[in-house]
Amino acid sequence: MSAAAPIGGSVDDWLDWQLALHDTEIELGLDRVAAVARTLEVLPPPGRSVVVAGTNGKGSCVALIESLLSHHGRVGSYTSPHLWRYNERIRIDGAPVADTDLCAAFAAVEAARGGVALTFFEFGTLAALWLFARAALDFLVLEVGLGGRLDAVNVVDGDVALVTNIGLDHVAWLGDDREQIGFEKAGIFRAGRPAVCADRDMPASIAERAATQGTPLAVIGRDFDLQAQDDRWCWRDGDAALDIPAQAGVLVENLAAALSVVRRLGAAVRDEHVIAAARVQAALPGRRERVVDGDVAIIYDVGHNAEAIAVLVDDLARQPVPGRTHVVLGMLADKPVEAAGGRLRDLADALYIAGLDTVTDRGLPAAALAKRLASDAPCHPDPATALAAARAASAAGDRIVVCGSFFTVANARRQTLSCRT
């Protein structure tokens, strides 16, 4: 029997209690969350909704869509995980919810659940929907936590569905090839409601799911695209088109998909909207975030699978530095460590292996990570210590890359918050 809910407690009190509420951190399925959602009366949510699934780029696409829609009304968004504070996961009009509102939402979910053992993510998803139901919102943008078909967010019937890209991640729950994973991600599709896919090598299972479900599917490179022409970007989607100056720090697939999603919601987009959205996405913390520390640049990236690391490596290869590249790497035990490490080999002149076991129960100790990487690089107990070692070994013209997990970036980044950006 779980301890009593911390009514009147802080956000941290509630989060600690939620972690102990369910026997496991992850248990896929919609029955529990749907039952409580009915009691809370949070479905359907207010306004028009977008549900976003995929392996990488979900958070960036949510930020882009959120910014683009903000010119047409009030927007709520839900993402995970957070980097600094849990409140980051739930935003209304671009601002994280206040502690008092979040605690009120947690208390409402607790009063409604009637003994249902919700997982940590399910509890938070219901809290977000409760807050959104009480705001006069015009749009919702909701990021799937894991997979799609059986994820708690899929309790919402999105007016538009977006699948960003498909890679090998969470294979224990979603399957060990792109076709199986694509099928799970496409579980957010709804009959007669449009869907957008931003994967240029889309698994056939996504198209098959759309056809079976009766979902109109637009695919990047076939139905819409954004292409570079000199120093400008040209977006085309049917009879819609935009030509804007190229924007640094934004993946064209993410922006192209965001624009196509917004179009399918019936919202017009102007050049200045796109430029503003691109700047919002480029400034997201932990997404190729660049911080200058003296004569050395530190790049923080939360990428935690081979595909995300490949994007990071390619991006940095286009921005060479005169000195060496030092890589601080910490990863979770259930991630594709070997594949991600292989992507980093050509980038790293020096590797610093960081343990995450002291940061999260799912984290790999440094020695275990080194073994899986078949590396004799120095091991450090945590990312902050590894970053300190990298900084000590760096010289003018070098750069440091911190990557492998949200936990890696959060732990290391806290040590350099005072750095000049």
Protein backbone atom coordinates (compact mmCIF):
# COMPACT_ATOMS: atom_id res chain seq x y z
CA MET A 1 0.00 0.00 0.00
CA SER A 2 1.43 3.37 -1.00
CA ALA A 3 1.94 6.24 1.43
CA ALA A 4 -0.67 8.96 1.63
CA ALA A 5 -0.52 11.59 -1.10
CA PRO A 6 1.38 14.73 -0.07
CA ILE A 7 -1.62 17.06 -0.16
CA GLY A 8 -0.32 20.53 0.60
CA GLY A 9 3.24 19.47 -0.20
CA SER A 10 5.72 20.84 -2.73
CA VAL A 11 6.17 19.78 -6.35
CA ASP A 12 9.19 17.69 -5.30
CA ASP A 13 7.09 15.99 -2.61
CA TRP A 14 4.50 15.06 -5.21
CA LEU A 15 7.09 13.79 -7.69
CA ASP A 16 8.81 11.61 -5.08
CA TRP A 17 5.44 10.15 -4.10
CA GLN A 18 4.46 9.48 -7.72
CA LEU A 19 7.67 7.55 -8.35
CA ALA A 20 6.62 5.05 -5.68
CA LEU A 21 2.97 4.81 -6.76
CA HIS A 22 3.46 2.14 -9.45
CA ASP A 23 5.59 -1.01 -9.31
CA THR A 24 7.42 -0.13 -12.53
CA GLU A 25 8.52 3.12 -14.16
CA ILE A 26 7.07 2.12 -17.54
CA GLU A 27 3.91 0.10 -18.21
CA LEU A 28 2.40 0.78 -21.59
CA GLY A 29 -1.36 0.77 -22.10
CA LEU A 30 -4.27 3.20 -22.23
CA ASP A 31 -6.81 1.59 -19.90
CA ARG A 32 -5.55 3.16 -16.67
CA VAL A 33 -5.07 6.67 -17.98
CA ALA A 34 -8.34 6.60 -19.97
CA ALA A 35 -10.34 5.56 -16.90
CA VAL A 36 -8.97 8.42 -14.80
CA ALA A 37 -9.30 10.88 -17.70
CA ARG A 38 -13.02 10.09 -17.85
CA THR A 39 -13.41 10.81 -14.15
CA LEU A 40 -11.44 14.05 -14.52
CA GLU A 41 -13.57 15.03 -17.53
CA VAL A 42 -10.52 16.23 -19.48
CA LEU A 43 -11.41 14.63 -22.82
CA PRO A 44 -11.72 15.88 -25.43
CA PRO A 45 -9.25 18.65 -24.59
CA PRO A 46 -9.96 22.28 -25.47
CA GLY A 47 -9.22 23.66 -28.92
CA ARG A 48 -7.48 21.76 -31.70
CA SER A 49 -4.69 19.33 -30.86
CA VAL A 50 -1.47 18.01 -32.38
CA VAL A 51 0.07 14.73 -31.16
CA VAL A 52 3.79 14.31 -31.89
CA ALA A 53 5.61 10.95 -31.93
CA GLY A 54 9.00 9.83 -33.25
CA THR A 55 12.47 8.85 -32.13
CA ASN A 56 14.27 12.19 -32.36
CA GLY A 57 13.22 15.79 -32.87
CA LYS A 58 9.90 15.63 -31.01
CA GLY A 59 10.73 18.40 -28.56
CA SER A 60 12.09 20.63 -31.30
CA CYS A 61 8.98 20.12 -33.43
CA VAL A 62 6.72 20.88 -30.46
CA ALA A 63 8.62 24.15 -29.89
CA LEU A 64 8.30 25.11 -33.56
CA ILE A 65 4.60 24.29 -33.78
CA GLU A 66 3.92 26.00 -30.45
CA SER A 67 5.63 29.19 -31.66
CA LEU A 68 3.89 29.16 -35.04
CA LEU A 69 0.45 28.65 -33.46
CA SER A 70 1.01 31.37 -30.86
CA HIS A 71 0.21 33.92 -33.57
CA HIS A 72 -3.28 32.44 -33.87
CA GLY A 73 -4.38 31.97 -30.27
CA ARG A 74 -3.51 30.52 -26.89
CA VAL A 75 -1.36 27.39 -26.94
CA GLY A 76 -0.67 24.68 -24.36
CA SER A 77 2.17 22.20 -24.81
CA TYR A 78 3.31 19.03 -23.08
CA THR A 79 6.80 17.56 -23.49
CA SER A 80 9.15 15.19 -21.70
CA PRO A 81 11.59 14.73 -20.14
CA HIS A 82 12.54 18.01 -18.54
CA LEU A 83 16.06 19.38 -18.20
CA TRP A 84 15.94 21.54 -15.07
CA ARG A 85 12.48 21.57 -13.49
CA TYR A 86 9.45 19.35 -13.95
CA ASN A 87 7.35 22.46 -14.67
CA GLU A 88 9.10 22.72 -18.07
CA ARG A 89 6.98 19.80 -19.26
CA ILE A 90 3.71 21.76 -19.17
CA ARG A 91 3.61 25.17 -20.83
CA ILE A 92 0.73 27.57 -21.36
CA ASP A 93 1.35 30.52 -23.66
CA GLY A 94 5.03 29.53 -23.75
CA ALA A 95 5.55 29.71 -19.97
CA PRO A 96 6.05 26.73 -17.63
CA VAL A 97 3.16 26.27 -15.18
CA ALA A 98 3.58 27.60 -11.66
CA ASP A 99 4.22 25.29 -8.71
CA THR A 100 0.84 26.09 -7.14
CA ASP A 101 -1.02 25.19 -10.33
CA LEU A 102 0.98 22.01 -10.79
CA CYS A 103 0.32 20.87 -7.23
CA ALA A 104 -3.40 21.59 -7.68
CA ALA A 105 -3.37 19.43 -10.82
CA PHE A 106 -1.61 16.59 -9.00
CA ALA A 107 -4.18 16.78 -6.20
CA ALA A 108 -7.02 16.62 -8.74
CA VAL A 109 -5.55 13.52 -10.39
CA GLU A 110 -5.10 11.87 -7.01
CA ALA A 111 -8.72 12.58 -6.08
CA ALA A 112 -9.92 11.11 -9.39
CA ARG A 113 -7.77 8.01 -9.73
CA GLY A 114 -9.72 5.92 -7.21
CA GLY A 115 -6.88 3.55 -6.43
CA VAL A 116 -5.67 3.13 -10.04
CA ALA A 117 -1.89 2.63 -9.90
CA LEU A 118 -0.71 5.22 -12.41
CA THR A 119 2.86 5.35 -13.64
CA PHE A 120 4.89 8.54 -13.16
CA PHE A 121 4.33 9.56 -16.79
CA GLU A 122 0.61 8.76 -16.72
CA PHE A 123 0.13 10.89 -13.61
CA GLY A 124 1.93 13.82 -15.22
CA THR A 125 0.01 13.47 -18.49
CA LEU A 126 -3.31 13.60 -16.67
CA ALA A 127 -2.15 16.61 -14.66
CA ALA A 128 -1.29 18.40 -17.90
CA LEU A 129 -4.69 17.61 -19.42
CA TRP A 130 -6.42 18.86 -16.25
CA LEU A 131 -4.55 22.16 -16.46
CA PHE A 132 -5.26 22.51 -20.17
CA ALA A 133 -8.96 21.82 -19.61
CA ARG A 134 -9.13 24.79 -17.25
CA ALA A 135 -7.40 27.22 -19.59
CA ALA A 136 -9.13 28.91 -22.50
CA LEU A 137 -6.80 27.34 -25.07
CA ASP A 138 -7.11 27.37 -28.82
CA PHE A 139 -4.43 24.74 -29.50
CA LEU A 140 -2.62 21.89 -27.76
CA VAL A 141 0.69 20.36 -28.83
CA LEU A 142 1.37 17.05 -27.06
CA GLU A 143 4.58 15.00 -27.23
CA VAL A 144 4.35 11.24 -26.88
CA GLY A 145 6.62 9.88 -24.16
CA LEU A 146 7.40 6.40 -25.52
CA GLY A 147 6.19 4.83 -28.74
CA GLY A 148 2.73 6.04 -29.63
CA ARG A 149 0.05 3.36 -29.82
CA LEU A 150 0.10 2.53 -26.09
CA ASP A 151 1.53 5.77 -24.71
CA ALA A 152 -0.58 7.77 -22.25
CA VAL A 153 -0.68 10.80 -24.57
CA ASN A 154 -2.49 8.68 -27.17
CA VAL A 155 -5.62 8.92 -25.03
CA VAL A 156 -6.08 12.20 -26.92
CA ASP A 157 -7.50 12.00 -30.45
CA GLY A 158 -5.22 14.50 -32.18
CA ASP A 159 -6.65 16.65 -34.95
CA VAL A 160 -3.25 16.29 -36.65
CA ALA A 161 -0.60 13.63 -35.98
CA LEU A 162 3.13 14.11 -36.59
CA VAL A 163 5.77 11.37 -36.71
CA THR A 164 9.24 12.93 -36.80
CA ASN A 165 11.67 10.12 -37.63
CA ILE A 166 12.19 6.47 -36.77
CA GLY A 167 15.32 5.05 -35.13
CA LEU A 168 16.27 2.19 -32.86
CA ASP A 169 15.43 3.23 -29.32
CA HIS A 170 13.36 1.69 -26.50
CA VAL A 171 13.65 -1.63 -28.33
CA ALA A 172 12.57 -3.59 -25.23
CA TRP A 173 9.10 -2.01 -25.53
CA LEU A 174 8.74 -1.08 -29.21
CA GLY A 175 10.56 -3.78 -31.20
CA ASP A 176 14.06 -4.20 -32.56
CA ASP A 177 13.66 -2.95 -36.13
CA ARG A 178 12.38 0.24 -37.77
CA GLU A 179 9.27 -1.40 -39.19
CA GLN A 180 8.03 -2.53 -35.78
CA ILE A 181 8.90 0.82 -34.21
CA GLY A 182 7.23 2.70 -37.07
CA PHE A 183 4.04 0.71 -36.51
CA GLU A 184 4.02 1.70 -32.83
CA LYS A 185 4.68 5.38 -33.58
CA ALA A 186 1.92 5.46 -36.19
CA GLY A 187 -0.51 4.32 -33.51
CA ILE A 188 -1.30 8.02 -32.97
CA PHE A 189 -3.04 8.18 -36.39
CA ARG A 190 -6.80 8.65 -36.47
CA ALA A 191 -9.30 7.84 -39.19
CA GLY A 192 -10.03 10.81 -41.44
CA ARG A 193 -7.60 13.10 -39.59
CA PRO A 194 -4.39 14.23 -41.32
CA ALA A 195 -0.94 12.96 -40.40
CA VAL A 196 2.52 14.20 -41.34
CA CYS A 197 5.75 12.17 -41.47
CA ALA A 198 9.18 13.85 -41.45
CA ASP A 199 11.24 10.70 -42.02
CA ARG A 200 12.85 10.73 -45.49
CA ASP A 201 13.29 6.95 -45.25
CA MET A 202 9.84 6.25 -43.87
CA PRO A 203 9.23 2.63 -42.83
CA ALA A 204 6.54 0.95 -44.92
CA SER A 205 4.64 0.15 -41.73
CA ILE A 206 3.73 3.84 -41.33
CA ALA A 207 2.12 4.04 -44.77
CA GLU A 208 0.40 0.70 -44.16
CA ARG A 209 -0.98 1.91 -40.84
CA ALA A 210 -2.26 5.11 -42.45
CA ALA A 211 -3.97 3.17 -45.24
CA THR A 212 -5.56 0.70 -42.82
CA GLN A 213 -6.67 3.48 -40.49
CA GLY A 214 -7.99 5.74 -43.25
CA THR A 215 -5.55 8.50 -42.33
CA PRO A 216 -4.52 11.06 -45.00
CA LEU A 217 -0.71 10.95 -44.80
CA ALA A 218 1.71 13.62 -46.05
CA VAL A 219 5.35 12.53 -46.33
CA ILE A 220 8.42 14.75 -46.54
CA GLY A 221 10.11 14.66 -49.94
CA ARG A 222 6.89 13.51 -51.58
CA ASP A 223 4.09 15.80 -50.43
CA PHE A 224 6.01 18.61 -48.79
CA ASP A 225 9.62 19.70 -48.27
CA LEU A 226 11.95 22.51 -47.32
CA GLN A 227 15.05 22.91 -49.46
CA ALA A 228 18.05 25.23 -49.35
CA GLN A 229 18.60 27.57 -52.28
CA ASP A 230 21.74 29.60 -51.70
CA ASP A 231 21.13 31.46 -48.43
CA ARG A 232 17.36 30.97 -48.48
CA TRP A 233 14.96 28.20 -47.60
CA CYS A 234 12.06 27.27 -49.87
CA TRP A 235 9.11 25.40 -48.31
CA ARG A 236 6.48 23.81 -50.51
CA ASP A 237 3.35 21.90 -49.49
CA GLY A 238 0.75 21.49 -52.20
CA ASP A 239 -0.20 24.98 -53.33
CA ALA A 240 1.32 26.57 -50.21
CA ALA A 241 4.82 28.03 -50.35
CA LEU A 242 7.23 30.18 -48.35
CA ASP A 243 10.69 31.53 -49.10
CA ILE A 244 12.61 32.71 -46.04
CA PRO A 245 16.24 33.39 -45.09
CA ALA A 246 18.04 30.21 -43.96
CA GLN A 247 18.02 29.90 -40.17
CA ALA A 248 20.98 28.59 -38.20
CA GLY A 249 20.52 25.80 -35.67
CA VAL A 250 17.32 24.36 -37.13
CA LEU A 251 16.93 21.02 -38.91
CA VAL A 252 15.04 21.50 -42.17
CA GLU A 253 13.00 18.33 -41.63
CA ASN A 254 11.69 19.63 -38.30
CA LEU A 255 10.72 23.03 -39.67
CA ALA A 256 9.19 21.59 -42.85
CA ALA A 257 7.04 19.21 -40.81
CA ALA A 258 6.00 21.90 -38.33
CA LEU A 259 4.84 24.16 -41.15
CA SER A 260 2.88 21.33 -42.74
CA VAL A 261 1.21 20.47 -39.43
CA VAL A 262 0.19 24.09 -38.86
CA ARG A 263 -1.17 24.29 -42.40
CA ARG A 264 -3.34 21.23 -41.75
CA LEU A 265 -4.76 22.97 -38.70
CA GLY A 266 -5.87 25.76 -41.02
CA ALA A 267 -3.54 28.39 -39.56
CA ALA A 268 -1.86 30.82 -41.94
CA VAL A 269 1.89 31.38 -41.56
CA ARG A 270 3.89 34.46 -42.51
CA ASP A 271 7.63 34.81 -42.97
CA GLU A 272 8.14 36.56 -39.66
CA HIS A 273 6.28 33.75 -37.86
CA VAL A 274 8.67 31.18 -39.30
CA ILE A 275 11.78 33.18 -38.42
CA ALA A 276 10.54 33.68 -34.85
CA ALA A 277 9.75 29.96 -34.49
CA ALA A 278 13.17 28.99 -35.84
CA ARG A 279 14.86 31.21 -33.28
CA VAL A 280 12.81 29.67 -30.48
CA GLN A 281 13.82 26.15 -31.57
CA ALA A 282 17.48 27.07 -32.05
CA ALA A 283 17.58 28.39 -28.49
CA LEU A 284 16.24 25.23 -26.84
CA PRO A 285 18.57 24.24 -23.99
CA GLY A 286 20.48 21.02 -24.50
CA ARG A 287 19.90 20.84 -28.26
CA ARG A 288 23.32 21.58 -29.69
CA GLU A 289 23.42 24.38 -27.13
CA ARG A 290 26.66 26.35 -27.38
CA VAL A 291 28.20 27.96 -24.31
CA VAL A 292 31.49 29.88 -24.41
CA ASP A 293 33.77 29.25 -21.43
CA GLY A 294 36.83 31.44 -21.87
CA ASP A 295 38.59 30.34 -25.04
CA VAL A 296 36.70 27.03 -25.28
CA ALA A 297 33.18 26.39 -26.61
CA ILE A 298 31.06 23.76 -24.86
CA ILE A 299 28.27 22.15 -26.89
CA TYR A 300 25.51 20.41 -24.94
CA ASP A 301 23.27 17.92 -26.73
CA VAL A 302 20.71 15.55 -25.21
CA GLY A 303 20.95 13.08 -28.13
CA HIS A 304 20.90 9.54 -26.75
CA ASN A 305 20.72 7.18 -29.73
CA ALA A 306 22.70 6.54 -32.89
CA GLU A 307 20.49 8.68 -35.12
CA ALA A 308 20.61 11.71 -32.81
CA ILE A 309 24.36 11.38 -32.32
CA ALA A 310 24.80 11.15 -36.11
CA VAL A 311 22.96 14.46 -36.56
CA LEU A 312 25.17 16.05 -33.90
CA VAL A 313 28.35 14.70 -35.47
CA ASP A 314 27.34 15.86 -38.95
CA ASP A 315 26.45 19.32 -37.63
CA LEU A 316 29.78 19.69 -35.85
CA ALA A 317 31.69 18.38 -38.88
CA ARG A 318 30.34 21.39 -40.79
CA GLN A 319 31.76 23.64 -38.07
CA PRO A 320 35.41 22.55 -37.61
CA VAL A 321 37.59 24.11 -34.93
CA PRO A 322 41.34 24.67 -35.08
CA GLY A 323 41.95 22.64 -31.93
CA ARG A 324 40.79 19.32 -30.50
CA THR A 325 37.31 18.02 -29.77
CA HIS A 326 36.80 16.63 -26.26
CA VAL A 327 33.68 14.48 -25.80
CA VAL A 328 32.00 13.89 -22.44
CA LEU A 329 29.65 10.91 -22.73
CA GLY A 330 27.20 9.45 -20.21
CA MET A 331 24.36 7.10 -21.16
CA LEU A 332 21.48 5.08 -19.77
CA ALA A 333 21.71 1.31 -19.61
CA ASP A 334 18.77 0.73 -21.98
CA LYS A 335 20.15 2.88 -24.81
CA PRO A 336 22.03 1.70 -27.95
CA VAL A 337 25.42 2.51 -26.45
CA GLU A 338 27.55 0.67 -28.97
CA ALA A 339 25.90 2.27 -32.00
CA ALA A 340 25.98 5.76 -30.50
CA GLY A 341 29.62 5.34 -29.47
CA GLY A 342 30.53 4.25 -32.98
CA ARG A 343 29.12 7.49 -34.37
CA LEU A 344 31.30 9.50 -31.98
CA ARG A 345 34.62 7.87 -32.81
CA ASP A 346 35.42 10.10 -35.77
CA LEU A 347 34.49 13.23 -33.84
CA ALA A 348 36.30 12.69 -30.54
CA ASP A 349 39.97 13.52 -30.20
CA ALA A 350 39.61 12.76 -26.49
CA LEU A 351 36.80 10.88 -24.72
CA TYR A 352 35.73 11.31 -21.09
CA ILE A 353 33.40 8.58 -19.87
CA ALA A 354 30.89 9.70 -17.24
CA GLY A 355 28.88 7.52 -14.89
CA LEU A 356 25.16 8.13 -14.60
CA ASP A 357 24.42 5.58 -11.89
CA THR A 358 24.73 8.27 -9.23
CA VAL A 359 22.33 10.50 -11.16
CA THR A 360 19.53 8.03 -12.03
CA ASP A 361 18.75 4.37 -11.35
CA ARG A 362 18.74 3.74 -15.12
CA GLY A 363 22.23 5.17 -15.58
CA LEU A 364 25.31 3.16 -16.52
CA PRO A 365 28.34 3.32 -14.20
CA ALA A 366 31.38 4.70 -15.99
CA ALA A 367 33.20 1.35 -15.98
CA ALA A 368 30.19 -0.43 -17.49
CA LEU A 369 29.88 2.23 -20.19
CA ALA A 370 33.59 1.94 -21.00
CA LYS A 371 33.23 -1.84 -21.31
CA ARG A 372 30.30 -1.56 -23.70
CA LEU A 373 32.24 0.97 -25.76
CA ALA A 374 35.39 -1.23 -25.67
CA SER A 375 37.21 1.97 -24.68
CA ASP A 376 40.17 2.64 -22.42
CA ALA A 377 39.26 6.31 -22.07
CA PRO A 378 39.36 7.73 -18.52
CA CYS A 379 36.28 7.11 -16.38
CA HIS A 380 34.64 9.67 -14.12
CA PRO A 381 31.89 9.20 -11.51
CA ASP A 382 29.48 11.72 -13.04
CA PRO A 383 29.18 14.15 -15.96
CA ALA A 384 30.12 17.22 -13.90
CA THR A 385 33.43 15.60 -12.92
CA ALA A 386 34.06 14.47 -16.49
CA LEU A 387 33.38 17.97 -17.78
CA ALA A 388 35.79 19.45 -15.25
CA ALA A 389 38.48 17.07 -16.51
CA ALA A 390 37.76 18.01 -20.12
CA ARG A 391 37.93 21.71 -19.31
CA ALA A 392 41.26 21.23 -17.52
CA ALA A 393 42.69 19.46 -20.57
CA SER A 394 41.37 21.97 -23.12
CA ALA A 395 43.28 24.79 -24.75
CA ALA A 396 42.29 27.82 -26.81
CA GLY A 397 40.62 26.71 -30.05
CA ASP A 398 39.38 23.42 -28.60
CA ARG A 399 35.74 22.51 -28.04
CA ILE A 400 33.97 20.22 -25.59
CA VAL A 401 30.89 18.19 -26.52
CA VAL A 402 28.64 16.90 -23.71
CA CYS A 403 26.09 14.33 -24.88
CA GLY A 404 24.39 10.96 -24.40
CA SER A 405 21.35 11.76 -22.25
CA PHE A 406 19.18 14.47 -20.75
CA PHE A 407 20.72 13.40 -17.42
CA THR A 408 24.25 13.91 -18.77
CA VAL A 409 23.52 17.42 -19.98
CA ALA A 410 21.57 18.45 -16.87
CA ASN A 411 24.26 17.23 -14.47
CA ALA A 412 27.13 18.81 -16.40
CA ARG A 413 25.30 21.99 -17.42
CA ARG A 414 24.58 22.99 -13.83
CA GLN A 415 28.31 23.44 -13.33
CA THR A 416 28.58 26.08 -16.07
CA LEU A 417 25.42 28.15 -15.63
CA SER A 418 27.56 31.19 -14.94
CA CYS A 419 29.44 30.88 -18.24
CA ARG A 420 29.00 33.65 -20.79
CA THR A 421 26.81 32.52 -23.71
